[in-house]
Amino acid sequence: MKIGVLKETRPNEKRVAVTPKIAKDLKDKGFDILVEKDAGLASAFDNTAYEQAGAKIVSKDAIFKDSDVVVKINQLDDDEIDQLQNGQVVISMVYHRLQPELVKKIAAKGVSLFSMDAIPRISRAQNMDVLSSQSNLAGYKAVILGADQMTKIFPLMMTAAGTITPAKVLIYGVGVAGLQAIATAKRLGAVVEATDVRPETKEQAESLGAKFISVENDSDDVSEGGYAKEQTAEFLQKQKEAVNKSLFDADLVVTTALVQGAKAPVLIKEDQIKQMKRGAVIVDMAVEKGGNVELSEPDKTVEKYGVTIIGKTNLPSTLATNASELYGKNLYNFITFMADKDHFHYDMDEEITKNTLLAKDGKVLIQE
């Protein structure tokens, strides 16, 4: 089979789905690799590197004309969907729960569609989990962005002029991104606190040196597939009250809370921001899904009531080389699990296939 690697079209997207190393690995498995010209340049991978790995550099038109499998990181745009050929396989992130109409539109071209963001969070699929690999990098970068905007340093520092106390960092959400944010802030010398609706995350946060702020929840059913479920207004109010003291004392706050298939919960409201310390910084990692912070704006840094609020979308793209390496390895593991060099194995009783295969031969399989 021929695998075609598209150049990303999303604004400010620097990642690429397949790196030269992954192209070579796939080539060694018997696949032919076609790469759209300059697809990897923004990730620091030039055309020559792909050619040396055994890939062929082609035009975008040739990708759609000659490929059996079309791979990308972000969803296909309308022009790309129009160029799909009957019988092709498409693999990308789709976020089908938020836009089922997109699945129908792609399926109408007579193709099979796999969504990389729908990988189930089970042990044997960990090496395919792109949301985890990309969130890991995003959690690191969020702390770095916050540190850049702060008017204080992170670590304790004893000088002849006096002692500088360590910065206080508060992390909302102890998933993959939150855990990496905790680890990064701790490495930089901050005092870190964290909170999450899922009680099972307490041990994970504390293992990295963070103080966990517990909030009593009347429901045991607070997570699904590794993600937090949408919570009641009553619980969110309890969480707000429990965390406020730490929030008002924090120098940096990083919010990472997402709910699968739904808008991100608002965790910090305007009345709370008014009571935060002047000079504090908030990084809203959920801004692309509606935001955890009431006053955050996508791809803008704004100052409200003396607090700087950073709403940066697509944080993994700001670390494009590493992000592409990790996504590419996830994709390699997925493809080699799902297919051999000649064809895909559509085992509909297998959990990874059931979760990720949204359409087969033009027929929509999942509508959520």
Protein backbone atom coordinates (compact mmCIF):
# COMPACT_ATOMS: atom_id res chain seq x y z
CA MET A 1 0.00 0.00 0.00
CA LYS A 2 1.01 3.57 -0.63
CA ILE A 3 0.74 5.96 2.32
CA GLY A 4 0.40 9.64 1.42
CA VAL A 5 1.48 12.26 3.95
CA LEU A 6 -0.28 15.61 3.59
CA LYS A 7 1.11 19.00 4.54
CA GLU A 8 -1.00 20.52 7.32
CA THR A 9 -3.30 23.37 6.25
CA ARG A 10 -4.48 24.60 9.65
CA PRO A 11 -3.23 28.16 10.34
CA ASN A 12 -0.04 28.22 12.46
CA GLU A 13 0.23 24.42 12.35
CA LYS A 14 3.88 23.36 12.19
CA ARG A 15 3.61 19.62 12.82
CA VAL A 16 3.71 16.81 10.28
CA ALA A 17 2.09 13.38 10.64
CA VAL A 18 5.13 11.35 9.53
CA THR A 19 8.78 12.21 10.16
CA PRO A 20 11.66 10.90 8.03
CA LYS A 21 12.45 8.25 10.65
CA ILE A 22 8.87 7.00 10.69
CA ALA A 23 8.83 7.08 6.89
CA LYS A 24 11.85 4.76 6.93
CA ASP A 25 10.25 2.49 9.52
CA LEU A 26 7.09 2.20 7.42
CA LYS A 27 9.19 1.62 4.31
CA ASP A 28 10.95 -1.22 6.11
CA LYS A 29 7.52 -2.76 6.77
CA GLY A 30 6.81 -2.83 3.03
CA PHE A 31 4.76 0.35 2.62
CA ASP A 32 5.52 2.95 -0.05
CA ILE A 33 5.61 6.50 1.32
CA LEU A 34 4.56 9.60 -0.60
CA VAL A 35 5.15 12.96 1.10
CA GLU A 36 3.70 16.26 -0.05
CA LYS A 37 6.47 18.70 -0.91
CA ASP A 38 7.63 20.77 2.12
CA ALA A 39 5.24 18.94 4.47
CA GLY A 40 7.91 18.68 7.16
CA LEU A 41 9.76 21.98 6.76
CA ALA A 42 8.03 23.73 9.67
CA SER A 43 8.98 20.78 11.90
CA ALA A 44 12.65 21.01 10.82
CA PHE A 45 12.44 18.03 8.42
CA ASP A 46 13.38 18.95 4.84
CA ASN A 47 12.50 17.13 1.63
CA THR A 48 15.97 15.63 1.33
CA ALA A 49 15.61 13.92 4.70
CA TYR A 50 12.45 12.19 3.50
CA GLU A 51 14.08 11.13 0.24
CA GLN A 52 17.05 9.71 2.13
CA ALA A 53 14.55 7.71 4.20
CA GLY A 54 13.13 6.18 1.04
CA ALA A 55 10.05 8.37 0.65
CA LYS A 56 9.02 10.06 -2.58
CA ILE A 57 8.33 13.82 -2.59
CA VAL A 58 5.21 14.58 -4.65
CA SER A 59 2.56 17.24 -5.20
CA LYS A 60 -0.65 17.40 -3.21
CA ASP A 61 -2.61 16.28 -6.26
CA ALA A 62 -0.41 13.18 -6.51
CA ILE A 63 -1.10 12.31 -2.88
CA PHE A 64 -4.82 12.00 -3.60
CA LYS A 65 -4.35 10.43 -7.03
CA ASP A 66 -1.85 7.72 -6.07
CA SER A 67 -2.22 6.97 -2.33
CA ASP A 68 -4.15 4.09 -0.82
CA VAL A 69 -3.94 5.69 2.62
CA VAL A 70 -4.00 9.44 3.30
CA VAL A 71 -2.61 10.57 6.68
CA LYS A 72 -2.71 13.93 8.40
CA ILE A 73 -2.74 15.33 11.94
CA ASN A 74 -5.70 17.69 11.72
CA GLN A 75 -9.00 16.96 9.99
CA LEU A 76 -9.20 17.29 6.21
CA ASP A 77 -10.38 20.64 4.88
CA ASP A 78 -13.13 20.95 2.27
CA ASP A 79 -10.74 21.08 -0.70
CA GLU A 80 -9.00 17.91 0.51
CA ILE A 81 -12.30 16.10 1.03
CA ASP A 82 -13.26 16.96 -2.55
CA GLN A 83 -10.07 15.29 -3.82
CA LEU A 84 -10.59 11.98 -2.00
CA GLN A 85 -10.86 8.89 -4.18
CA ASN A 86 -13.34 6.07 -3.70
CA GLY A 87 -11.77 3.24 -1.70
CA GLN A 88 -9.07 5.30 0.00
CA VAL A 89 -8.39 5.15 3.75
CA VAL A 90 -8.06 8.40 5.72
CA ILE A 91 -6.32 8.58 9.11
CA SER A 92 -6.29 11.84 11.10
CA MET A 93 -7.75 13.45 14.19
CA VAL A 94 -11.48 14.05 13.58
CA TYR A 95 -13.20 14.84 16.94
CA HIS A 96 -16.33 13.20 15.57
CA ARG A 97 -18.45 13.73 18.70
CA LEU A 98 -18.25 17.48 18.14
CA GLN A 99 -18.86 17.38 14.39
CA PRO A 100 -20.68 14.29 13.14
CA GLU A 101 -21.53 16.05 9.88
CA LEU A 102 -17.83 16.03 8.95
CA VAL A 103 -17.77 12.23 9.23
CA LYS A 104 -20.78 11.97 6.90
CA LYS A 105 -19.16 14.33 4.40
CA ILE A 106 -15.93 12.34 4.27
CA ALA A 107 -17.77 9.01 4.17
CA ALA A 108 -19.83 10.22 1.22
CA LYS A 109 -16.64 10.07 -0.87
CA GLY A 110 -16.66 6.28 -0.51
CA VAL A 111 -13.66 6.12 1.83
CA SER A 112 -12.86 4.50 5.17
CA LEU A 113 -12.08 6.89 8.02
CA PHE A 114 -10.05 6.31 11.18
CA SER A 115 -9.84 8.94 13.93
CA MET A 116 -6.60 9.06 15.92
CA ASP A 117 -8.22 11.09 18.73
CA ALA A 118 -10.63 8.19 19.36
CA ILE A 119 -7.93 5.72 20.47
CA PRO A 120 -9.33 4.02 23.61
CA ARG A 121 -7.33 4.56 26.79
CA ILE A 122 -6.44 0.93 27.38
CA SER A 123 -3.00 -0.47 28.16
CA ARG A 124 -2.36 -2.10 24.78
CA ALA A 125 -3.22 1.11 22.94
CA GLN A 126 -0.97 3.41 24.98
CA ASN A 127 1.67 3.52 22.25
CA MET A 128 -0.96 4.81 19.80
CA ASP A 129 -2.51 7.45 22.07
CA VAL A 130 -1.88 10.75 20.29
CA LEU A 131 -3.93 12.79 22.77
CA SER A 132 -1.61 11.69 25.57
CA SER A 133 1.62 12.20 23.63
CA GLN A 134 0.60 15.68 22.47
CA SER A 135 -0.88 16.69 25.84
CA ASN A 136 2.37 15.72 27.53
CA LEU A 137 4.24 18.32 25.48
CA ALA A 138 1.45 20.86 25.86
CA GLY A 139 1.59 20.63 29.66
CA TYR A 140 5.31 21.37 29.59
CA LYS A 141 4.92 24.32 27.21
CA ALA A 142 2.05 25.84 29.21
CA VAL A 143 4.31 26.25 32.23
CA ILE A 144 7.09 27.71 30.10
CA LEU A 145 4.66 30.24 28.59
CA GLY A 146 3.43 31.16 32.06
CA ALA A 147 6.97 31.55 33.36
CA ASP A 148 7.78 33.87 30.48
CA GLN A 149 4.90 36.20 31.43
CA MET A 150 5.46 36.16 35.19
CA THR A 151 7.18 38.99 36.99
CA LYS A 152 8.73 36.51 39.45
CA ILE A 153 11.11 33.55 39.27
CA PHE A 154 10.07 30.02 40.18
CA PRO A 155 12.73 28.78 42.64
CA LEU A 156 13.74 29.81 46.13
CA MET A 157 16.83 32.00 45.82
CA MET A 158 19.02 33.21 48.64
CA THR A 159 21.05 36.31 47.75
CA ALA A 160 23.10 38.92 49.56
CA ALA A 161 20.20 41.30 49.05
CA GLY A 162 17.71 38.94 50.65
CA THR A 163 15.77 35.74 50.09
CA ILE A 164 13.34 35.29 47.18
CA THR A 165 10.51 32.93 48.07
CA PRO A 166 9.45 30.31 45.50
CA ALA A 167 6.52 30.96 43.19
CA LYS A 168 3.18 29.29 43.87
CA VAL A 169 1.64 27.33 41.01
CA LEU A 170 -1.89 25.89 40.86
CA ILE A 171 -2.85 23.22 38.29
CA TYR A 172 -6.49 22.47 37.45
CA GLY A 173 -6.83 18.96 36.02
CA VAL A 174 -4.43 16.10 36.72
CA GLY A 175 -4.52 14.31 33.39
CA VAL A 176 -1.51 13.86 31.14
CA ALA A 177 -1.11 17.61 30.54
CA GLY A 178 -1.64 18.45 34.20
CA LEU A 179 0.88 15.89 35.41
CA GLN A 180 3.52 17.23 33.04
CA ALA A 181 2.71 20.79 34.13
CA ILE A 182 3.19 19.73 37.76
CA ALA A 183 6.50 18.03 36.97
CA THR A 184 7.78 21.02 34.98
CA ALA A 185 6.81 23.58 37.63
CA LYS A 186 8.43 21.44 40.34
CA ARG A 187 11.65 21.08 38.31
CA LEU A 188 11.75 24.86 38.04
CA GLY A 189 11.48 25.13 41.83
CA ALA A 190 7.88 26.23 42.40
CA VAL A 191 5.53 25.20 45.19
CA VAL A 192 2.76 23.35 43.36
CA GLU A 193 -0.86 22.57 44.21
CA ALA A 194 -3.30 20.65 42.01
CA THR A 195 -6.97 19.74 41.90
CA ASP A 196 -9.14 17.37 39.87
CA VAL A 197 -12.68 15.99 40.07
CA ARG A 198 -11.28 12.45 39.86
CA PRO A 199 -10.11 11.26 43.31
CA GLU A 200 -7.84 8.63 41.73
CA THR A 201 -5.54 11.42 40.51
CA LYS A 202 -4.59 12.45 44.05
CA GLU A 203 -1.84 9.84 44.35
CA GLN A 204 -0.44 10.72 40.93
CA ALA A 205 -0.25 14.44 41.76
CA GLU A 206 1.35 13.82 45.13
CA SER A 207 3.90 11.43 43.62
CA LEU A 208 5.23 14.40 41.64
CA GLY A 209 5.44 16.61 44.72
CA ALA A 210 2.20 18.57 44.40
CA LYS A 211 -0.26 19.18 47.23
CA PHE A 212 -3.65 17.85 46.13
CA ILE A 213 -6.75 19.91 46.90
CA SER A 214 -9.54 17.40 47.46
CA VAL A 215 -13.17 18.16 46.72
CA GLU A 216 -15.87 15.80 48.03
CA ASN A 217 -18.05 14.42 45.25
CA ASP A 218 -21.36 12.71 45.93
CA SER A 219 -21.01 10.70 42.72
CA ASP A 220 -18.48 7.93 42.18
CA ASP A 221 -19.05 8.18 38.43
CA VAL A 222 -16.68 11.05 37.67
CA SER A 223 -14.53 9.67 34.86
CA GLU A 224 -14.93 7.78 31.60
CA GLY A 225 -12.11 6.30 29.55
CA GLY A 226 -9.50 8.34 31.40
CA TYR A 227 -11.37 11.65 30.98
CA ALA A 228 -13.38 13.61 33.52
CA LYS A 229 -17.13 13.59 33.01
CA GLU A 230 -19.20 16.75 32.93
CA GLN A 231 -19.97 17.76 36.51
CA THR A 232 -23.04 19.27 38.15
CA ALA A 233 -23.29 22.97 38.95
CA GLU A 234 -23.40 22.04 42.65
CA PHE A 235 -20.11 20.18 42.45
CA LEU A 236 -18.40 22.93 40.46
CA GLN A 237 -19.45 25.40 43.15
CA LYS A 238 -17.92 23.16 45.84
CA GLN A 239 -14.72 22.91 43.83
CA LYS A 240 -14.62 26.67 43.41
CA GLU A 241 -14.92 27.22 47.17
CA ALA A 242 -12.27 24.61 47.99
CA VAL A 243 -9.73 25.97 45.53
CA ASN A 244 -10.30 29.73 45.93
CA LYS A 245 -7.74 30.25 48.70
CA SER A 246 -5.00 28.67 46.59
CA LEU A 247 -6.20 30.46 43.46
CA PHE A 248 -6.08 33.89 45.08
CA ASP A 249 -2.55 33.20 46.35
CA ALA A 250 -1.14 31.69 43.13
CA ASP A 251 1.48 33.31 40.93
CA LEU A 252 0.74 30.97 38.01
CA VAL A 253 -2.41 28.97 37.28
CA VAL A 254 -2.61 26.36 34.50
CA THR A 255 -6.04 24.97 33.56
CA THR A 256 -6.15 21.72 31.60
CA ALA A 257 -9.70 20.42 32.17
CA LEU A 258 -11.46 18.86 29.18
CA VAL A 259 -14.58 16.72 28.91
CA GLN A 260 -14.57 14.25 26.03
CA GLY A 261 -17.06 15.25 23.36
CA ALA A 262 -18.28 18.36 25.19
CA LYS A 263 -17.40 21.99 25.80
CA ALA A 264 -14.68 22.55 28.41
CA PRO A 265 -16.02 23.40 31.89
CA VAL A 266 -15.62 26.99 33.11
CA LEU A 267 -13.56 26.70 36.29
CA ILE A 268 -12.39 30.27 36.86
CA LYS A 269 -14.94 33.07 36.56
CA GLU A 270 -14.57 36.82 36.37
CA ASP A 271 -15.41 37.36 40.03
CA GLN A 272 -12.55 35.04 40.99
CA ILE A 273 -10.07 36.74 38.67
CA LYS A 274 -10.88 40.06 40.35
CA GLN A 275 -9.63 38.59 43.65
CA MET A 276 -6.37 37.14 42.34
CA LYS A 277 -2.99 38.71 43.01
CA ARG A 278 -1.89 41.52 40.72
CA GLY A 279 0.80 40.13 38.44
CA ALA A 280 -0.59 36.58 38.51
CA VAL A 281 -0.69 34.63 35.24
CA ILE A 282 -3.28 32.12 33.99
CA VAL A 283 -2.63 29.74 31.08
CA ASP A 284 -5.93 28.34 29.75
CA MET A 285 -5.03 25.14 27.89
CA ALA A 286 -8.70 24.45 27.15
CA VAL A 287 -9.35 27.71 25.32
CA GLU A 288 -9.81 25.92 21.98
CA LYS A 289 -12.73 23.90 23.43
CA GLY A 290 -14.50 26.89 24.97
CA GLY A 291 -12.06 27.61 27.78
CA ASN A 292 -11.75 26.90 31.50
CA VAL A 293 -11.37 30.63 32.18
CA GLU A 294 -14.25 33.01 31.63
CA LEU A 295 -12.15 35.85 30.19
CA SER A 296 -9.65 33.89 28.09
CA GLU A 297 -9.54 34.46 24.33
CA PRO A 298 -8.18 32.03 21.69
CA ASP A 299 -4.62 32.85 20.64
CA LYS A 300 -4.55 36.06 22.64
CA THR A 301 -2.79 37.21 25.81
CA VAL A 302 -5.01 39.65 27.67
CA GLU A 303 -4.73 41.47 30.97
CA LYS A 304 -7.83 41.63 33.17
CA TYR A 305 -7.86 43.15 36.67
CA GLY A 306 -4.07 42.98 36.80
CA VAL A 307 -4.01 39.28 35.84
CA THR A 308 -2.44 38.10 32.58
CA ILE A 309 -4.53 35.42 30.82
CA ILE A 310 -2.90 33.37 28.07
CA GLY A 311 -5.25 31.54 25.70
CA LYS A 312 -2.90 29.66 23.39
CA THR A 313 -4.42 27.08 21.07
CA ASN A 314 -2.54 24.10 19.65
CA LEU A 315 0.35 24.16 22.10
CA PRO A 316 1.94 20.97 20.65
CA SER A 317 2.55 22.83 17.38
CA THR A 318 4.88 25.22 19.22
CA LEU A 319 7.12 22.19 19.86
CA ALA A 320 6.68 20.88 16.33
CA THR A 321 9.77 18.69 16.04
CA ASN A 322 9.11 16.65 19.18
CA ALA A 323 5.34 16.69 18.65
CA SER A 324 5.75 15.32 15.12
CA GLU A 325 8.15 12.64 16.32
CA LEU A 326 5.65 11.45 18.95
CA TYR A 327 2.59 11.66 16.68
CA GLY A 328 4.49 9.83 13.95
CA LYS A 329 5.40 7.00 16.30
CA ASN A 330 1.78 6.77 17.50
CA LEU A 331 0.65 6.63 13.87
CA TYR A 332 3.25 3.97 13.00
CA ASN A 333 2.06 1.80 15.88
CA PHE A 334 -1.55 2.27 14.81
CA ILE A 335 -0.98 1.48 11.14
CA THR A 336 1.16 -1.59 11.80
CA PHE A 337 -1.49 -2.84 14.25
CA MET A 338 -4.35 -2.27 11.82
CA ALA A 339 -2.72 -3.31 8.57
CA ASP A 340 0.08 -5.10 6.77
CA LYS A 341 1.75 -3.87 3.60
CA ASP A 342 -1.12 -5.16 1.45
CA HIS A 343 -4.37 -4.36 3.26
CA PHE A 344 -6.18 -3.35 6.46
CA HIS A 345 -7.62 -5.92 8.86
CA TYR A 346 -11.09 -4.75 9.78
CA ASP A 347 -11.80 -6.73 12.96
CA MET A 348 -14.99 -5.13 14.22
CA ASP A 349 -14.91 -7.17 17.43
CA GLU A 350 -11.56 -5.61 18.39
CA GLU A 351 -11.80 -2.60 20.74
CA ILE A 352 -9.29 -0.29 19.05
CA THR A 353 -10.93 -0.83 15.66
CA LYS A 354 -14.44 -0.34 17.04
CA ASN A 355 -13.48 2.98 18.63
CA THR A 356 -11.46 4.49 15.80
CA LEU A 357 -13.17 3.30 12.60
CA LEU A 358 -15.80 5.96 11.96
CA ALA A 359 -16.65 4.96 8.39
CA LYS A 360 -15.92 1.96 6.18
CA ASP A 361 -16.22 2.02 2.40
CA GLY A 362 -18.45 5.08 2.60
CA LYS A 363 -20.76 3.79 5.34
CA VAL A 364 -20.83 5.77 8.60
CA LEU A 365 -20.32 3.42 11.55
CA ILE A 366 -20.32 5.83 14.51
CA GLN A 367 -22.68 8.77 14.99
CA GLU A 368 -22.22 10.44 18.40
